[in-house]
Each structure stands twice: as structure tokens, then as C-alpha cells.
Amino acid sequence: MSTDIPQSTFQPGMAERAIDAAADVSRTIGEVTGGLHAAVDRLTNAIDEARKPGRPLATVAAITREAPLASLFVAFLFGVAIARRR
């Protein structure tokens, strides 16, 4: 007869698995949030650069201020042209 005590393998309970899953989700959300913050920062910088005098957005803004109805009409025609292509 053997006096060895059988070793049982530890199985994590439902609470431990739930905590691990929540920690993984939290870590993933943190990574996604960090990526979104970086993307928003890059987009904000690009828009700020494009708004400087002589750049495209500054030109569009100036034209829109001078002739808002004409700009609206051109934007409408542009939208119609894009919609018909699809």
C-alpha cells in the first residue's frame, strides 16, 4: 500500500475566471482607447495644419464666407455626383 496523497490539479473557480476575463477586457479597452487618442491627436494636428493661411481648408473657409449659397450649391452637386456613381 502506498502512503502518497494524490495531488489534485488546481482548477480556478468561476470567480477567478470572471476576474481574469474582466482584467483582459479592461486591458484591451485601455489599448484601444490609447490608439483612439493617438488617432484623434494626429487628425487634430492635420486639420490645424490645413487651416493655416494658404492651405486647402483656409481657402475653402474663405470661399464659403464670401459666397455661402454658391458653396452650398457646389457641395450639393458634388454629393449628387458621388451618389450617382454608387
PDB file of N, CA and C in Angstrom:
ATOM      1  N   MET A   1       0.803  -1.166   0.000  1.00  0.00           N
ATOM      2  CA  MET A   1       0.000   0.000   0.000  1.00  0.00           C
ATOM      3  C   MET A   1       0.859   1.247   0.000  1.00  0.00           C
ATOM      4  N   SER A   2       0.401   2.247  -0.744  1.00  0.00           N
ATOM      5  CA  SER A   2       1.168   3.475  -0.868  1.00  0.00           C
ATOM      6  C   SER A   2       0.585   4.537   0.052  1.00  0.00           C
ATOM      7  N   THR A   3       1.481   5.332   0.643  1.00  0.00           N
ATOM      8  CA  THR A   3       1.025   6.394   1.539  1.00  0.00           C
ATOM      9  C   THR A   3       1.048   7.762   0.845  1.00  0.00           C
ATOM     10  N   ASP A   4       1.251   7.753  -0.464  1.00  0.00           N
ATOM     11  CA  ASP A   4       1.261   9.021  -1.197  1.00  0.00           C
ATOM     12  C   ASP A   4      -0.153   9.588  -1.280  1.00  0.00           C
ATOM     13  N   ILE A   5      -0.224  10.888  -1.039  1.00  0.00           N
ATOM     14  CA  ILE A   5      -1.511  11.579  -1.148  1.00  0.00           C
ATOM     15  C   ILE A   5      -1.647  12.040  -2.599  1.00  0.00           C
ATOM     16  N   PRO A   6      -2.758  11.708  -3.220  1.00  0.00           N
ATOM     17  CA  PRO A   6      -2.911  12.118  -4.621  1.00  0.00           C
ATOM     18  C   PRO A   6      -2.934  13.654  -4.736  1.00  0.00           C
ATOM     19  N   GLN A   7      -2.168  14.149  -5.688  1.00  0.00           N
ATOM     20  CA  GLN A   7      -2.107  15.587  -5.918  1.00  0.00           C
ATOM     21  C   GLN A   7      -3.272  15.983  -6.836  1.00  0.00           C
ATOM     22  N   SER A   8      -4.043  16.956  -6.423  1.00  0.00           N
ATOM     23  CA  SER A   8      -5.130  17.425  -7.282  1.00  0.00           C
ATOM     24  C   SER A   8      -4.644  18.665  -8.022  1.00  0.00           C
ATOM     25  N   THR A   9      -5.040  18.751  -9.254  1.00  0.00           N
ATOM     26  CA  THR A   9      -4.675  19.941 -10.023  1.00  0.00           C
ATOM     27  C   THR A   9      -5.667  21.042  -9.686  1.00  0.00           C
ATOM     28  N   PHE A  10      -5.138  22.233  -9.469  1.00  0.00           N
ATOM     29  CA  PHE A  10      -5.972  23.364  -9.082  1.00  0.00           C
ATOM     30  C   PHE A  10      -6.736  23.875 -10.292  1.00  0.00           C
ATOM     31  N   GLN A  11      -8.008  23.917 -10.181  1.00  0.00           N
ATOM     32  CA  GLN A  11      -8.870  24.466 -11.213  1.00  0.00           C
ATOM     33  C   GLN A  11      -9.441  25.783 -10.692  1.00  0.00           C
ATOM     34  N   PRO A  12      -9.217  26.874 -11.419  1.00  0.00           N
ATOM     35  CA  PRO A  12      -9.753  28.147 -10.937  1.00  0.00           C
ATOM     36  C   PRO A  12     -11.281  28.128 -10.949  1.00  0.00           C
ATOM     37  N   GLY A  13     -11.826  28.757  -9.939  1.00  0.00           N
ATOM     38  CA  GLY A  13     -13.272  28.808  -9.836  1.00  0.00           C
ATOM     39  C   GLY A  13     -13.859  29.832 -10.782  1.00  0.00           C
ATOM     40  N   MET A  14     -15.160  29.901 -10.772  1.00  0.00           N
ATOM     41  CA  MET A  14     -15.849  30.814 -11.665  1.00  0.00           C
ATOM     42  C   MET A  14     -15.478  32.267 -11.361  1.00  0.00           C
ATOM     43  N   ALA A  15     -15.314  32.594 -10.092  1.00  0.00           N
ATOM     44  CA  ALA A  15     -14.979  33.969  -9.715  1.00  0.00           C
ATOM     45  C   ALA A  15     -13.595  34.358 -10.237  1.00  0.00           C
ATOM     46  N   GLU A  16     -12.615  33.469 -10.104  1.00  0.00           N
ATOM     47  CA  GLU A  16     -11.282  33.767 -10.597  1.00  0.00           C
ATOM     48  C   GLU A  16     -11.272  33.944 -12.114  1.00  0.00           C
ATOM     49  N   ARG A  17     -12.012  33.074 -12.816  1.00  0.00           N
ATOM     50  CA  ARG A  17     -12.074  33.188 -14.274  1.00  0.00           C
ATOM     51  C   ARG A  17     -12.760  34.485 -14.683  1.00  0.00           C
ATOM     52  N   ALA A  18     -13.800  34.878 -13.977  1.00  0.00           N
ATOM     53  CA  ALA A  18     -14.503  36.127 -14.286  1.00  0.00           C
ATOM     54  C   ALA A  18     -13.590  37.327 -14.055  1.00  0.00           C
ATOM     55  N   ILE A  19     -12.816  37.296 -12.975  1.00  0.00           N
ATOM     56  CA  ILE A  19     -11.887  38.400 -12.685  1.00  0.00           C
ATOM     57  C   ILE A  19     -10.806  38.470 -13.756  1.00  0.00           C
ATOM     58  N   ASP A  20     -10.277  37.312 -14.179  1.00  0.00           N
ATOM     59  CA  ASP A  20      -9.268  37.290 -15.242  1.00  0.00           C
ATOM     60  C   ASP A  20      -9.834  37.829 -16.555  1.00  0.00           C
ATOM     61  N   ALA A  21     -11.059  37.426 -16.878  1.00  0.00           N
ATOM     62  CA  ALA A  21     -11.685  37.900 -18.111  1.00  0.00           C
ATOM     63  C   ALA A  21     -11.914  39.412 -18.052  1.00  0.00           C
ATOM     64  N   ALA A  22     -12.360  39.900 -16.907  1.00  0.00           N
ATOM     65  CA  ALA A  22     -12.582  41.341 -16.760  1.00  0.00           C
ATOM     66  C   ALA A  22     -11.273  42.106 -16.867  1.00  0.00           C
ATOM     67  N   ALA A  23     -10.204  41.561 -16.315  1.00  0.00           N
ATOM     68  CA  ALA A  23      -8.898  42.221 -16.413  1.00  0.00           C
ATOM     69  C   ALA A  23      -8.418  42.259 -17.857  1.00  0.00           C
ATOM     70  N   ASP A  24      -8.629  41.157 -18.602  1.00  0.00           N
ATOM     71  CA  ASP A  24      -8.248  41.134 -20.018  1.00  0.00           C
ATOM     72  C   ASP A  24      -9.041  42.151 -20.832  1.00  0.00           C
ATOM     73  N   VAL A  25     -10.339  42.232 -20.581  1.00  0.00           N
ATOM     74  CA  VAL A  25     -11.190  43.188 -21.296  1.00  0.00           C
ATOM     75  C   VAL A  25     -10.764  44.606 -20.963  1.00  0.00           C
ATOM     76  N   SER A  26     -10.481  44.858 -19.687  1.00  0.00           N
ATOM     77  CA  SER A  26     -10.059  46.193 -19.265  1.00  0.00           C
ATOM     78  C   SER A  26      -8.752  46.586 -19.945  1.00  0.00           C
ATOM     79  N   ARG A  27      -7.821  45.662 -20.028  1.00  0.00           N
ATOM     80  CA  ARG A  27      -6.535  45.922 -20.677  1.00  0.00           C
ATOM     81  C   ARG A  27      -6.749  46.211 -22.162  1.00  0.00           C
ATOM     82  N   THR A  28      -7.616  45.439 -22.811  1.00  0.00           N
ATOM     83  CA  THR A  28      -7.898  45.635 -24.230  1.00  0.00           C
ATOM     84  C   THR A  28      -8.559  46.992 -24.466  1.00  0.00           C
ATOM     85  N   ILE A  29      -9.505  47.344 -23.624  1.00  0.00           N
ATOM     86  CA  ILE A  29     -10.169  48.640 -23.756  1.00  0.00           C
ATOM     87  C   ILE A  29      -9.161  49.763 -23.570  1.00  0.00           C
ATOM     88  N   GLY A  30      -8.244  49.603 -22.638  1.00  0.00           N
ATOM     89  CA  GLY A  30      -7.203  50.609 -22.435  1.00  0.00           C
ATOM     90  C   GLY A  30      -6.326  50.781 -23.661  1.00  0.00           C
ATOM     91  N   GLU A  31      -5.974  49.669 -24.315  1.00  0.00           N
ATOM     92  CA  GLU A  31      -5.155  49.738 -25.521  1.00  0.00           C
ATOM     93  C   GLU A  31      -5.907  50.415 -26.660  1.00  0.00           C
ATOM     94  N   VAL A  32      -7.185  50.067 -26.823  1.00  0.00           N
ATOM     95  CA  VAL A  32      -7.997  50.675 -27.880  1.00  0.00           C
ATOM     96  C   VAL A  32      -8.162  52.166 -27.623  1.00  0.00           C
ATOM     97  N   THR A  33      -8.409  52.525 -26.368  1.00  0.00           N
ATOM     98  CA  THR A  33      -8.562  53.933 -26.014  1.00  0.00           C
ATOM     99  C   THR A  33      -7.285  54.707 -26.316  1.00  0.00           C
ATOM    100  N   GLY A  34      -6.154  54.142 -25.993  1.00  0.00           N
ATOM    101  CA  GLY A  34      -4.876  54.785 -26.292  1.00  0.00           C
ATOM    102  C   GLY A  34      -4.688  54.988 -27.784  1.00  0.00           C
ATOM    103  N   GLY A  35      -5.055  53.980 -28.574  1.00  0.00           N
ATOM    104  CA  GLY A  35      -4.960  54.096 -30.027  1.00  0.00           C
ATOM    105  C   GLY A  35      -5.884  55.169 -30.578  1.00  0.00           C
ATOM    106  N   LEU A  36      -7.100  55.242 -30.028  1.00  0.00           N
ATOM    107  CA  LEU A  36      -8.040  56.269 -30.474  1.00  0.00           C
ATOM    108  C   LEU A  36      -7.550  57.665 -30.125  1.00  0.00           C
ATOM    109  N   HIS A  37      -6.981  57.819 -28.930  1.00  0.00           N
ATOM    110  CA  HIS A  37      -6.430  59.124 -28.539  1.00  0.00           C
ATOM    111  C   HIS A  37      -5.316  59.543 -29.501  1.00  0.00           C
ATOM    112  N   ALA A  38      -4.458  58.621 -29.861  1.00  0.00           N
ATOM    113  CA  ALA A  38      -3.369  58.927 -30.782  1.00  0.00           C
ATOM    114  C   ALA A  38      -3.918  59.317 -32.159  1.00  0.00           C
ATOM    115  N   ALA A  39      -4.940  58.587 -32.632  1.00  0.00           N
ATOM    116  CA  ALA A  39      -5.531  58.898 -33.931  1.00  0.00           C
ATOM    117  C   ALA A  39      -6.203  60.265 -33.924  1.00  0.00           C
ATOM    118  N   VAL A  40      -6.914  60.580 -32.856  1.00  0.00           N
ATOM    119  CA  VAL A  40      -7.570  61.882 -32.755  1.00  0.00           C
ATOM    120  C   VAL A  40      -6.537  62.999 -32.714  1.00  0.00           C
ATOM    121  N   ASP A  41      -5.453  62.789 -32.000  1.00  0.00           N
ATOM    122  CA  ASP A  41      -4.391  63.798 -31.945  1.00  0.00           C
ATOM    123  C   ASP A  41      -3.783  64.043 -33.330  1.00  0.00           C
ATOM    124  N   ARG A  42      -3.529  62.963 -34.082  1.00  0.00           N
ATOM    125  CA  ARG A  42      -2.975  63.120 -35.431  1.00  0.00           C
ATOM    126  C   ARG A  42      -3.961  63.840 -36.346  1.00  0.00           C
ATOM    127  N   LEU A  43      -5.238  63.501 -36.250  1.00  0.00           N
ATOM    128  CA  LEU A  43      -6.248  64.151 -37.081  1.00  0.00           C
ATOM    129  C   LEU A  43      -6.384  65.627 -36.726  1.00  0.00           C
ATOM    130  N   THR A  44      -6.356  65.939 -35.432  1.00  0.00           N
ATOM    131  CA  THR A  44      -6.430  67.330 -34.992  1.00  0.00           C
ATOM    132  C   THR A  44      -5.249  68.124 -35.515  1.00  0.00           C
ATOM    133  N   ASN A  45      -4.072  67.549 -35.447  1.00  0.00           N
ATOM    134  CA  ASN A  45      -2.877  68.224 -35.970  1.00  0.00           C
ATOM    135  C   ASN A  45      -2.970  68.437 -37.477  1.00  0.00           C
ATOM    136  N   ALA A  46      -3.484  67.446 -38.199  1.00  0.00           N
ATOM    137  CA  ALA A  46      -3.618  67.577 -39.653  1.00  0.00           C
ATOM    138  C   ALA A  46      -4.616  68.679 -40.008  1.00  0.00           C
ATOM    139  N   ILE A  47      -5.719  68.749 -39.275  1.00  0.00           N
ATOM    140  CA  ILE A  47      -6.715  69.799 -39.534  1.00  0.00           C
ATOM    141  C   ILE A  47      -6.142  71.171 -39.203  1.00  0.00           C
ATOM    142  N   ASP A  48      -5.425  71.265 -38.098  1.00  0.00           N
ATOM    143  CA  ASP A  48      -4.803  72.546 -37.732  1.00  0.00           C
ATOM    144  C   ASP A  48      -3.813  73.007 -38.808  1.00  0.00           C
ATOM    145  N   GLU A  49      -3.045  72.063 -39.357  1.00  0.00           N
ATOM    146  CA  GLU A  49      -2.103  72.402 -40.422  1.00  0.00           C
ATOM    147  C   GLU A  49      -2.841  72.860 -41.681  1.00  0.00           C
ATOM    148  N   ALA A  50      -3.949  72.199 -42.009  1.00  0.00           N
ATOM    149  CA  ALA A  50      -4.700  72.525 -43.220  1.00  0.00           C
ATOM    150  C   ALA A  50      -5.440  73.853 -43.095  1.00  0.00           C
ATOM    151  N   ARG A  51      -5.659  74.333 -41.868  1.00  0.00           N
ATOM    152  CA  ARG A  51      -6.358  75.602 -41.659  1.00  0.00           C
ATOM    153  C   ARG A  51      -5.434  76.816 -41.715  1.00  0.00           C
ATOM    154  N   LYS A  52      -4.145  76.602 -41.794  1.00  0.00           N
ATOM    155  CA  LYS A  52      -3.210  77.726 -41.854  1.00  0.00           C
ATOM    156  C   LYS A  52      -3.421  78.486 -43.160  1.00  0.00           C
ATOM    157  N   PRO A  53      -3.133  79.789 -43.163  1.00  0.00           N
ATOM    158  CA  PRO A  53      -3.350  80.596 -44.374  1.00  0.00           C
ATOM    159  C   PRO A  53      -2.638  80.011 -45.592  1.00  0.00           C
ATOM    160  N   GLY A  54      -3.392  79.983 -46.695  1.00  0.00           N
ATOM    161  CA  GLY A  54      -2.841  79.452 -47.938  1.00  0.00           C
ATOM    162  C   GLY A  54      -3.024  77.960 -48.107  1.00  0.00           C
ATOM    163  N   ARG A  55      -3.464  77.280 -47.091  1.00  0.00           N
ATOM    164  CA  ARG A  55      -3.692  75.834 -47.167  1.00  0.00           C
ATOM    165  C   ARG A  55      -5.134  75.554 -47.612  1.00  0.00           C
ATOM    166  N   PRO A  56      -5.444  74.315 -47.964  1.00  0.00           N
ATOM    167  CA  PRO A  56      -6.761  73.992 -48.548  1.00  0.00           C
ATOM    168  C   PRO A  56      -7.965  74.374 -47.689  1.00  0.00           C
ATOM    169  N   LEU A  57      -7.974  74.033 -46.417  1.00  0.00           N
ATOM    170  CA  LEU A  57      -9.142  74.341 -45.590  1.00  0.00           C
ATOM    171  C   LEU A  57      -9.312  75.839 -45.400  1.00  0.00           C
ATOM    172  N   ALA A  58      -8.231  76.583 -45.339  1.00  0.00           N
ATOM    173  CA  ALA A  58      -8.337  78.037 -45.223  1.00  0.00           C
ATOM    174  C   ALA A  58      -8.962  78.615 -46.482  1.00  0.00           C
ATOM    175  N   THR A  59      -8.586  78.090 -47.629  1.00  0.00           N
ATOM    176  CA  THR A  59      -9.148  78.553 -48.894  1.00  0.00           C
ATOM    177  C   THR A  59     -10.637  78.235 -48.973  1.00  0.00           C
ATOM    178  N   VAL A  60     -11.015  77.020 -48.617  1.00  0.00           N
ATOM    179  CA  VAL A  60     -12.431  76.621 -48.647  1.00  0.00           C
ATOM    180  C   VAL A  60     -13.232  77.474 -47.664  1.00  0.00           C
ATOM    181  N   ALA A  61     -12.699  77.724 -46.487  1.00  0.00           N
ATOM    182  CA  ALA A  61     -13.402  78.544 -45.498  1.00  0.00           C
ATOM    183  C   ALA A  61     -13.599  79.966 -46.014  1.00  0.00           C
ATOM    184  N   ALA A  62     -12.589  80.527 -46.665  1.00  0.00           N
ATOM    185  CA  ALA A  62     -12.699  81.888 -47.204  1.00  0.00           C
ATOM    186  C   ALA A  62     -13.755  81.953 -48.303  1.00  0.00           C
ATOM    187  N   ILE A  63     -13.770  80.984 -49.188  1.00  0.00           N
ATOM    188  CA  ILE A  63     -14.763  80.962 -50.267  1.00  0.00           C
ATOM    189  C   ILE A  63     -16.164  80.813 -49.689  1.00  0.00           C
ATOM    190  N   THR A  64     -16.309  79.971 -48.677  1.00  0.00           N
ATOM    191  CA  THR A  64     -17.613  79.758 -48.062  1.00  0.00           C
ATOM    192  C   THR A  64     -18.108  81.021 -47.381  1.00  0.00           C
ATOM    193  N   ARG A  65     -17.223  81.779 -46.752  1.00  0.00           N
ATOM    194  CA  ARG A  65     -17.632  83.023 -46.107  1.00  0.00           C
ATOM    195  C   ARG A  65     -18.072  84.065 -47.132  1.00  0.00           C
ATOM    196  N   GLU A  66     -17.418  84.081 -48.279  1.00  0.00           N
ATOM    197  CA  GLU A  66     -17.731  85.077 -49.294  1.00  0.00           C
ATOM    198  C   GLU A  66     -18.994  84.738 -50.079  1.00  0.00           C
ATOM    199  N   ALA A  67     -19.224  83.459 -50.357  1.00  0.00           N
ATOM    200  CA  ALA A  67     -20.375  83.064 -51.176  1.00  0.00           C
ATOM    201  C   ALA A  67     -20.995  81.783 -50.616  1.00  0.00           C
ATOM    202  N   PRO A  68     -21.756  81.898 -49.505  1.00  0.00           N
ATOM    203  CA  PRO A  68     -22.275  80.688 -48.872  1.00  0.00           C
ATOM    204  C   PRO A  68     -23.267  79.907 -49.732  1.00  0.00           C
ATOM    205  N   LEU A  69     -24.151  80.583 -50.467  1.00  0.00           N
ATOM    206  CA  LEU A  69     -25.122  79.849 -51.288  1.00  0.00           C
ATOM    207  C   LEU A  69     -24.455  79.148 -52.459  1.00  0.00           C
ATOM    208  N   ALA A  70     -23.500  79.806 -53.075  1.00  0.00           N
ATOM    209  CA  ALA A  70     -22.783  79.179 -54.178  1.00  0.00           C
ATOM    210  C   ALA A  70     -22.007  77.960 -53.677  1.00  0.00           C
ATOM    211  N   SER A  71     -21.411  78.078 -52.514  1.00  0.00           N
ATOM    212  CA  SER A  71     -20.662  76.951 -51.938  1.00  0.00           C
ATOM    213  C   SER A  71     -21.596  75.791 -51.613  1.00  0.00           C
ATOM    214  N   LEU A  72     -22.782  76.120 -51.092  1.00  0.00           N
ATOM    215  CA  LEU A  72     -23.765  75.085 -50.790  1.00  0.00           C
ATOM    216  C   LEU A  72     -24.210  74.384 -52.069  1.00  0.00           C
ATOM    217  N   PHE A  73     -24.422  75.140 -53.131  1.00  0.00           N
ATOM    218  CA  PHE A  73     -24.822  74.567 -54.413  1.00  0.00           C
ATOM    219  C   PHE A  73     -23.736  73.638 -54.957  1.00  0.00           C
ATOM    220  N   VAL A  74     -22.499  74.059 -54.893  1.00  0.00           N
ATOM    221  CA  VAL A  74     -21.392  73.223 -55.377  1.00  0.00           C
ATOM    222  C   VAL A  74     -21.289  71.946 -54.542  1.00  0.00           C
ATOM    223  N   ALA A  75     -21.440  72.069 -53.225  1.00  0.00           N
ATOM    224  CA  ALA A  75     -21.395  70.887 -52.357  1.00  0.00           C
ATOM    225  C   ALA A  75     -22.539  69.939 -52.689  1.00  0.00           C
ATOM    226  N   PHE A  76     -23.729  70.483 -52.983  1.00  0.00           N
ATOM    227  CA  PHE A  76     -24.872  69.659 -53.348  1.00  0.00           C
ATOM    228  C   PHE A  76     -24.595  68.900 -54.641  1.00  0.00           C
ATOM    229  N   LEU A  77     -24.073  69.600 -55.650  1.00  0.00           N
ATOM    230  CA  LEU A  77     -23.758  68.944 -56.915  1.00  0.00           C
ATOM    231  C   LEU A  77     -22.690  67.878 -56.749  1.00  0.00           C
ATOM    232  N   PHE A  78     -21.705  68.151 -55.909  1.00  0.00           N
ATOM    233  CA  PHE A  78     -20.660  67.167 -55.625  1.00  0.00           C
ATOM    234  C   PHE A  78     -21.268  65.918 -54.977  1.00  0.00           C
ATOM    235  N   GLY A  79     -22.180  66.124 -54.031  1.00  0.00           N
ATOM    236  CA  GLY A  79     -22.852  64.993 -53.384  1.00  0.00           C
ATOM    237  C   GLY A  79     -23.687  64.181 -54.351  1.00  0.00           C
ATOM    238  N   VAL A  80     -24.398  64.863 -55.243  1.00  0.00           N
ATOM    239  CA  VAL A  80     -25.204  64.164 -56.246  1.00  0.00           C
ATOM    240  C   VAL A  80     -24.303  63.350 -57.167  1.00  0.00           C
ATOM    241  N   ALA A  81     -23.185  63.935 -57.571  1.00  0.00           N
ATOM    242  CA  ALA A  81     -22.264  63.222 -58.461  1.00  0.00           C
ATOM    243  C   ALA A  81     -21.715  61.968 -57.782  1.00  0.00           C
ATOM    244  N   ILE A  82     -21.397  62.054 -56.525  1.00  0.00           N
ATOM    245  CA  ILE A  82     -20.872  60.889 -55.794  1.00  0.00           C
ATOM    246  C   ILE A  82     -21.969  59.848 -55.616  1.00  0.00           C
ATOM    247  N   ALA A  83     -23.191  60.293 -55.290  1.00  0.00           N
ATOM    248  CA  ALA A  83     -24.291  59.361 -55.060  1.00  0.00           C
ATOM    249  C   ALA A  83     -24.642  58.600 -56.338  1.00  0.00           C
ATOM    250  N   ARG A  84     -24.546  59.231 -57.482  1.00  0.00           N
ATOM    251  CA  ARG A  84     -24.893  58.554 -58.747  1.00  0.00           C
ATOM    252  C   ARG A  84     -23.851  57.524 -59.155  1.00  0.00           C
ATOM    253  N   ARG A  85     -22.624  57.684 -58.694  1.00  0.00           N
ATOM    254  CA  ARG A  85     -21.573  56.724 -59.032  1.00  0.00           C
ATOM    255  C   ARG A  85     -21.801  55.394 -58.348  1.00  0.00           C
ATOM    256  N   ARG A  86     -22.466  55.392 -57.221  1.00  0.00           N
ATOM    257  CA  ARG A  86     -22.641  54.150 -56.447  1.00  0.00           C
ATOM    258  C   ARG A  86     -23.834  53.428 -56.898  1.00  0.00           C
TER     259      ARG A  86
END
